[in-house]
Amino acid sequence: MSHPSDTPHSAHVESRSRKALRSYIIQASTLLEILLSGLVLIGLLLSFIPLLKWMPGLLFDGNDVEIRGFLERALDIVIGVEFIKMLAKHSPGSSLEVLLYAIARHMKLLGVRTTRFPS
């Protein structure tokens, strides 16, 4: 004698409930992505203010430390913008762009130099 839950109908209902749960999880994660993008955007907009305040000082008496701080902040903003674009696009190319900007920032701030091999 078979159990009532072994019928094809119950398997279909279980599959439908799994699909509904997956759909709910996808919708919730999409909402969280949008909220995160909004928070990052607000933070980026607020970070422009100190950047603009540094610019006049850089023109007249900027030393290496001030220029390095300015570049660090500017590259952080660029990476943040690319991060928001990555969340919006969902493409491998946008993920790669964020990674490349982060690597470029790291190399620039650490003073990494490329090595030339003799030909």
C-alpha atoms as a PDB file:
ATOM      1  CA  MET A   1       0.000   0.000   0.000  1.00  0.00           C
ATOM      2  CA  SER A   2       1.480   3.336  -1.004  1.00  0.00           C
ATOM      3  CA  HIS A   3       1.569   6.397   1.175  1.00  0.00           C
ATOM      4  CA  PRO A   4      -0.540   9.416   0.041  1.00  0.00           C
ATOM      5  CA  SER A   5       2.552  11.654  -0.056  1.00  0.00           C
ATOM      6  CA  ASP A   6       4.097   9.382  -2.700  1.00  0.00           C
ATOM      7  CA  THR A   7       1.631  10.478  -5.356  1.00  0.00           C
ATOM      8  CA  PRO A   8       2.816  12.547  -8.316  1.00  0.00           C
ATOM      9  CA  HIS A   9       0.490  15.352  -7.180  1.00  0.00           C
ATOM     10  CA  SER A  10       2.376  15.833  -3.893  1.00  0.00           C
ATOM     11  CA  ALA A  11       5.701  15.947  -5.754  1.00  0.00           C
ATOM     12  CA  HIS A  12       4.250  18.665  -7.967  1.00  0.00           C
ATOM     13  CA  VAL A  13       3.070  20.655  -4.942  1.00  0.00           C
ATOM     14  CA  GLU A  14       6.487  20.328  -3.308  1.00  0.00           C
ATOM     15  CA  SER A  15       8.127  21.513  -6.498  1.00  0.00           C
ATOM     16  CA  ARG A  16       5.756  24.483  -6.648  1.00  0.00           C
ATOM     17  CA  SER A  17       6.520  25.418  -3.033  1.00  0.00           C
ATOM     18  CA  ARG A  18      10.258  25.198  -3.736  1.00  0.00           C
ATOM     19  CA  LYS A  19       9.851  27.469  -6.748  1.00  0.00           C
ATOM     20  CA  ALA A  20       7.883  29.936  -4.647  1.00  0.00           C
ATOM     21  CA  LEU A  21      10.583  29.910  -1.963  1.00  0.00           C
ATOM     22  CA  ARG A  22      13.313  30.416  -4.562  1.00  0.00           C
ATOM     23  CA  SER A  23      11.355  33.274  -6.083  1.00  0.00           C
ATOM     24  CA  TYR A  24      10.947  34.893  -2.662  1.00  0.00           C
ATOM     25  CA  ILE A  25      14.676  34.555  -1.923  1.00  0.00           C
ATOM     26  CA  ILE A  26      15.581  36.075  -5.295  1.00  0.00           C
ATOM     27  CA  GLN A  27      13.210  38.996  -4.731  1.00  0.00           C
ATOM     28  CA  ALA A  28      14.578  39.590  -1.225  1.00  0.00           C
ATOM     29  CA  SER A  29      18.188  39.498  -2.435  1.00  0.00           C
ATOM     30  CA  THR A  30      17.354  41.885  -5.286  1.00  0.00           C
ATOM     31  CA  LEU A  31      15.824  44.303  -2.790  1.00  0.00           C
ATOM     32  CA  LEU A  32      18.917  44.040  -0.590  1.00  0.00           C
ATOM     33  CA  GLU A  33      21.129  44.745  -3.621  1.00  0.00           C
ATOM     34  CA  ILE A  34      19.119  47.875  -4.390  1.00  0.00           C
ATOM     35  CA  LEU A  35      19.329  49.053  -0.784  1.00  0.00           C
ATOM     36  CA  LEU A  36      23.076  48.396  -0.706  1.00  0.00           C
ATOM     37  CA  SER A  37      23.537  50.285  -3.959  1.00  0.00           C
ATOM     38  CA  GLY A  38      21.616  53.215  -2.529  1.00  0.00           C
ATOM     39  CA  LEU A  39      23.696  53.278   0.648  1.00  0.00           C
ATOM     40  CA  VAL A  40      26.943  53.091  -1.320  1.00  0.00           C
ATOM     41  CA  LEU A  41      25.738  55.879  -3.610  1.00  0.00           C
ATOM     42  CA  ILE A  42      24.916  58.113  -0.632  1.00  0.00           C
ATOM     43  CA  GLY A  43      28.347  57.396   0.841  1.00  0.00           C
ATOM     44  CA  LEU A  44      30.033  58.205  -2.462  1.00  0.00           C
ATOM     45  CA  LEU A  45      28.158  61.482  -2.779  1.00  0.00           C
ATOM     46  CA  LEU A  46      29.183  62.442   0.760  1.00  0.00           C
ATOM     47  CA  SER A  47      32.806  61.529   0.056  1.00  0.00           C
ATOM     48  CA  PHE A  48      32.957  64.061  -2.784  1.00  0.00           C
ATOM     49  CA  ILE A  49      32.820  66.946  -0.280  1.00  0.00           C
ATOM     50  CA  PRO A  50      36.286  66.419   1.283  1.00  0.00           C
ATOM     51  CA  LEU A  51      37.693  65.671  -2.160  1.00  0.00           C
ATOM     52  CA  LEU A  52      36.518  69.048  -3.443  1.00  0.00           C
ATOM     53  CA  LYS A  53      37.937  70.804  -0.373  1.00  0.00           C
ATOM     54  CA  TRP A  54      41.398  69.319  -1.043  1.00  0.00           C
ATOM     55  CA  MET A  55      41.583  70.504  -4.654  1.00  0.00           C
ATOM     56  CA  PRO A  56      42.585  74.176  -4.096  1.00  0.00           C
ATOM     57  CA  GLY A  57      45.375  73.152  -1.717  1.00  0.00           C
ATOM     58  CA  LEU A  58      46.712  70.651  -4.239  1.00  0.00           C
ATOM     59  CA  LEU A  59      47.005  73.328  -6.910  1.00  0.00           C
ATOM     60  CA  PHE A  60      49.155  75.687  -4.859  1.00  0.00           C
ATOM     61  CA  ASP A  61      51.121  73.736  -2.279  1.00  0.00           C
ATOM     62  CA  GLY A  62      50.341  70.056  -2.669  1.00  0.00           C
ATOM     63  CA  ASN A  63      53.036  67.712  -1.458  1.00  0.00           C
ATOM     64  CA  ASP A  64      53.361  63.995  -2.118  1.00  0.00           C
ATOM     65  CA  VAL A  65      51.384  63.004   0.982  1.00  0.00           C
ATOM     66  CA  GLU A  66      48.451  65.254   0.090  1.00  0.00           C
ATOM     67  CA  ILE A  67      48.445  64.112  -3.533  1.00  0.00           C
ATOM     68  CA  ARG A  68      48.591  60.463  -2.452  1.00  0.00           C
ATOM     69  CA  GLY A  69      45.624  61.028  -0.074  1.00  0.00           C
ATOM     70  CA  PHE A  70      43.680  62.747  -2.844  1.00  0.00           C
ATOM     71  CA  LEU A  71      44.368  59.900  -5.285  1.00  0.00           C
ATOM     72  CA  GLU A  72      43.419  57.311  -2.673  1.00  0.00           C
ATOM     73  CA  ARG A  73      40.076  58.999  -2.038  1.00  0.00           C
ATOM     74  CA  ALA A  74      39.417  59.524  -5.762  1.00  0.00           C
ATOM     75  CA  LEU A  75      40.187  55.901  -6.625  1.00  0.00           C
ATOM     76  CA  ASP A  76      37.955  54.747  -3.765  1.00  0.00           C
ATOM     77  CA  ILE A  77      35.124  56.743  -5.312  1.00  0.00           C
ATOM     78  CA  VAL A  78      35.793  55.249  -8.751  1.00  0.00           C
ATOM     79  CA  ILE A  79      35.763  51.736  -7.281  1.00  0.00           C
ATOM     80  CA  GLY A  80      32.491  52.539  -5.490  1.00  0.00           C
ATOM     81  CA  VAL A  81      30.892  53.753  -8.711  1.00  0.00           C
ATOM     82  CA  GLU A  82      32.036  50.618 -10.513  1.00  0.00           C
ATOM     83  CA  PHE A  83      30.682  48.513  -7.634  1.00  0.00           C
ATOM     84  CA  ILE A  84      27.242  50.104  -8.020  1.00  0.00           C
ATOM     85  CA  LYS A  85      27.372  49.467 -11.771  1.00  0.00           C
ATOM     86  CA  MET A  86      28.348  45.843 -11.088  1.00  0.00           C
ATOM     87  CA  LEU A  87      25.316  45.389  -8.828  1.00  0.00           C
ATOM     88  CA  ALA A  88      23.053  46.905 -11.468  1.00  0.00           C
ATOM     89  CA  LYS A  89      24.410  45.076 -14.530  1.00  0.00           C
ATOM     90  CA  HIS A  90      25.055  41.545 -13.233  1.00  0.00           C
ATOM     91  CA  SER A  91      27.612  40.895 -15.944  1.00  0.00           C
ATOM     92  CA  PRO A  92      31.044  39.282 -15.732  1.00  0.00           C
ATOM     93  CA  GLY A  93      32.534  42.337 -17.428  1.00  0.00           C
ATOM     94  CA  SER A  94      31.356  44.711 -14.724  1.00  0.00           C
ATOM     95  CA  SER A  95      32.747  42.413 -12.025  1.00  0.00           C
ATOM     96  CA  LEU A  96      36.063  42.374 -13.843  1.00  0.00           C
ATOM     97  CA  GLU A  97      36.112  46.175 -14.039  1.00  0.00           C
ATOM     98  CA  VAL A  98      35.676  46.474 -10.264  1.00  0.00           C
ATOM     99  CA  LEU A  99      38.487  43.991  -9.732  1.00  0.00           C
ATOM    100  CA  LEU A 100      40.796  45.813 -12.163  1.00  0.00           C
ATOM    101  CA  TYR A 101      40.186  49.215 -10.542  1.00  0.00           C
ATOM    102  CA  ALA A 102      40.825  47.724  -7.102  1.00  0.00           C
ATOM    103  CA  ILE A 103      44.097  46.172  -8.307  1.00  0.00           C
ATOM    104  CA  ALA A 104      45.133  49.433  -9.996  1.00  0.00           C
ATOM    105  CA  ARG A 105      44.419  51.373  -6.806  1.00  0.00           C
ATOM    106  CA  HIS A 106      46.419  48.899  -4.750  1.00  0.00           C
ATOM    107  CA  MET A 107      49.367  49.007  -7.145  1.00  0.00           C
ATOM    108  CA  LYS A 108      49.353  52.808  -7.379  1.00  0.00           C
ATOM    109  CA  LEU A 109      49.200  53.395  -3.646  1.00  0.00           C
ATOM    110  CA  LEU A 110      51.863  50.831  -2.829  1.00  0.00           C
ATOM    111  CA  GLY A 111      54.132  52.196  -5.518  1.00  0.00           C
ATOM    112  CA  VAL A 112      54.357  48.909  -7.364  1.00  0.00           C
ATOM    113  CA  ARG A 113      56.517  49.256 -10.415  1.00  0.00           C
ATOM    114  CA  THR A 114      56.438  47.006 -13.417  1.00  0.00           C
ATOM    115  CA  THR A 115      59.590  45.056 -14.108  1.00  0.00           C
ATOM    116  CA  ARG A 116      61.132  45.205 -17.535  1.00  0.00           C
ATOM    117  CA  PHE A 117      62.900  42.131 -18.697  1.00  0.00           C
ATOM    118  CA  PRO A 118      65.956  42.493 -20.927  1.00  0.00           C
ATOM    119  CA  SER A 119      65.271  41.731 -24.535  1.00  0.00           C
END
